[in-house]
Amino acid sequence: MIDELHESEPAPGFSKVYIPGEIEQQNEENNRVNGITIAKSVYDYLTE
């Protein structure tokens, strides 16, 4: 079923059809490799 959804034509303005949770999974994998992005003000506060 997931393969069928991924093979579907995306809506105009989109490049891919995602399943629920897929974007979050990609973000988690990216964060594990590259770290989590935080605002400079938060970083400054945490490192004081």
N, C-alpha and C. Protein backbone atom coordinates (compact mmCIF):
# COMPACT_ATOMS: atom_id res chain seq x y z
N MET A 1 0.83 -1.19 0.00
CA MET A 1 0.00 0.00 0.00
C MET A 1 0.88 1.26 0.00
N ILE A 2 1.97 1.22 0.77
CA ILE A 2 2.87 2.38 0.82
C ILE A 2 3.47 2.63 -0.56
N ASP A 3 3.88 1.56 -1.23
CA ASP A 3 4.43 1.71 -2.58
C ASP A 3 3.41 2.34 -3.52
N GLU A 4 2.17 1.94 -3.41
CA GLU A 4 1.11 2.51 -4.25
C GLU A 4 0.97 4.00 -3.99
N LEU A 5 1.00 4.40 -2.72
CA LEU A 5 0.89 5.82 -2.39
C LEU A 5 2.08 6.61 -2.94
N HIS A 6 3.28 6.05 -2.80
CA HIS A 6 4.47 6.74 -3.30
C HIS A 6 4.46 6.85 -4.83
N GLU A 7 3.80 5.93 -5.50
CA GLU A 7 3.71 5.97 -6.96
C GLU A 7 2.60 6.90 -7.45
N SER A 8 1.76 7.38 -6.55
CA SER A 8 0.67 8.28 -6.92
C SER A 8 1.21 9.63 -7.38
N GLU A 9 0.47 10.27 -8.22
CA GLU A 9 0.81 11.61 -8.71
C GLU A 9 0.61 12.61 -7.57
N PRO A 10 1.65 13.38 -7.21
CA PRO A 10 1.48 14.36 -6.14
C PRO A 10 0.60 15.53 -6.59
N ALA A 11 0.03 16.21 -5.63
CA ALA A 11 -0.79 17.39 -5.91
C ALA A 11 0.09 18.47 -6.53
N PRO A 12 -0.50 19.38 -7.29
CA PRO A 12 0.27 20.47 -7.89
C PRO A 12 1.05 21.23 -6.80
N GLY A 13 2.32 21.50 -7.09
CA GLY A 13 3.17 22.22 -6.15
C GLY A 13 3.94 21.32 -5.20
N PHE A 14 3.71 20.02 -5.29
CA PHE A 14 4.41 19.06 -4.42
C PHE A 14 5.21 18.10 -5.29
N SER A 15 6.30 17.58 -4.72
CA SER A 15 7.16 16.69 -5.49
C SER A 15 6.96 15.23 -5.15
N LYS A 16 6.27 14.93 -4.04
CA LYS A 16 6.14 13.55 -3.59
C LYS A 16 4.90 13.39 -2.72
N VAL A 17 4.34 12.19 -2.73
CA VAL A 17 3.26 11.84 -1.82
C VAL A 17 3.89 11.17 -0.60
N TYR A 18 3.64 11.72 0.58
CA TYR A 18 4.19 11.17 1.82
C TYR A 18 3.12 10.41 2.58
N ILE A 19 3.56 9.42 3.36
CA ILE A 19 2.65 8.72 4.26
C ILE A 19 2.78 9.36 5.64
N PRO A 20 1.79 9.19 6.51
CA PRO A 20 1.88 9.78 7.84
C PRO A 20 3.14 9.33 8.58
N GLY A 21 3.85 10.31 9.13
CA GLY A 21 5.06 10.04 9.90
C GLY A 21 6.34 10.00 9.08
N GLU A 22 6.23 9.99 7.77
CA GLU A 22 7.41 9.85 6.92
C GLU A 22 8.33 11.08 7.01
N ILE A 23 7.76 12.25 6.99
CA ILE A 23 8.57 13.48 7.09
C ILE A 23 9.26 13.53 8.45
N GLU A 24 8.55 13.17 9.50
CA GLU A 24 9.13 13.17 10.84
C GLU A 24 10.30 12.17 10.93
N GLN A 25 10.15 11.02 10.29
CA GLN A 25 11.22 10.02 10.28
C GLN A 25 12.45 10.56 9.56
N GLN A 26 12.24 11.23 8.43
CA GLN A 26 13.35 11.82 7.69
C GLN A 26 14.04 12.91 8.52
N ASN A 27 13.24 13.72 9.22
CA ASN A 27 13.81 14.76 10.07
C ASN A 27 14.63 14.16 11.21
N GLU A 28 14.14 13.09 11.81
CA GLU A 28 14.86 12.43 12.90
C GLU A 28 16.20 11.88 12.41
N GLU A 29 16.18 11.24 11.25
CA GLU A 29 17.43 10.70 10.69
C GLU A 29 18.42 11.83 10.41
N ASN A 30 17.94 12.92 9.86
CA ASN A 30 18.79 14.08 9.59
C ASN A 30 19.36 14.65 10.89
N ASN A 31 18.52 14.76 11.92
CA ASN A 31 18.98 15.31 13.20
C ASN A 31 20.02 14.42 13.85
N ARG A 32 19.90 13.12 13.70
CA ARG A 32 20.89 12.20 14.27
C ARG A 32 22.26 12.37 13.61
N VAL A 33 22.26 12.69 12.33
CA VAL A 33 23.51 12.86 11.60
C VAL A 33 24.08 14.28 11.80
N ASN A 34 23.22 15.28 11.68
CA ASN A 34 23.67 16.68 11.65
C ASN A 34 23.43 17.46 12.93
N GLY A 35 22.75 16.87 13.90
CA GLY A 35 22.40 17.59 15.12
C GLY A 35 21.11 18.35 14.97
N ILE A 36 20.60 18.83 16.09
CA ILE A 36 19.33 19.55 16.11
C ILE A 36 19.61 21.05 16.01
N THR A 37 18.90 21.73 15.14
CA THR A 37 19.05 23.16 14.98
C THR A 37 18.28 23.88 16.08
N ILE A 38 18.96 24.80 16.76
CA ILE A 38 18.30 25.62 17.77
C ILE A 38 18.66 27.08 17.54
N ALA A 39 17.85 27.97 18.05
CA ALA A 39 18.11 29.41 17.91
C ALA A 39 19.38 29.77 18.69
N LYS A 40 20.13 30.75 18.19
CA LYS A 40 21.34 31.19 18.85
C LYS A 40 21.06 31.65 20.27
N SER A 41 19.93 32.31 20.48
CA SER A 41 19.59 32.79 21.83
C SER A 41 19.42 31.61 22.80
N VAL A 42 18.88 30.51 22.34
CA VAL A 42 18.73 29.32 23.19
C VAL A 42 20.10 28.73 23.47
N TYR A 43 20.94 28.64 22.46
CA TYR A 43 22.29 28.12 22.66
C TYR A 43 23.05 28.97 23.66
N ASP A 44 22.98 30.30 23.49
CA ASP A 44 23.66 31.20 24.41
C ASP A 44 23.17 31.00 25.84
N TYR A 45 21.87 30.87 26.02
CA TYR A 45 21.30 30.65 27.35
C TYR A 45 21.79 29.34 27.97
N LEU A 46 21.82 28.29 27.16
CA LEU A 46 22.23 26.98 27.67
C LEU A 46 23.72 26.90 27.99
N THR A 47 24.52 27.71 27.32
CA THR A 47 25.96 27.65 27.55
C THR A 47 26.47 28.69 28.53
N GLU A 48 25.59 29.49 29.10
CA GLU A 48 26.00 30.49 30.10
C GLU A 48 26.37 29.83 31.40
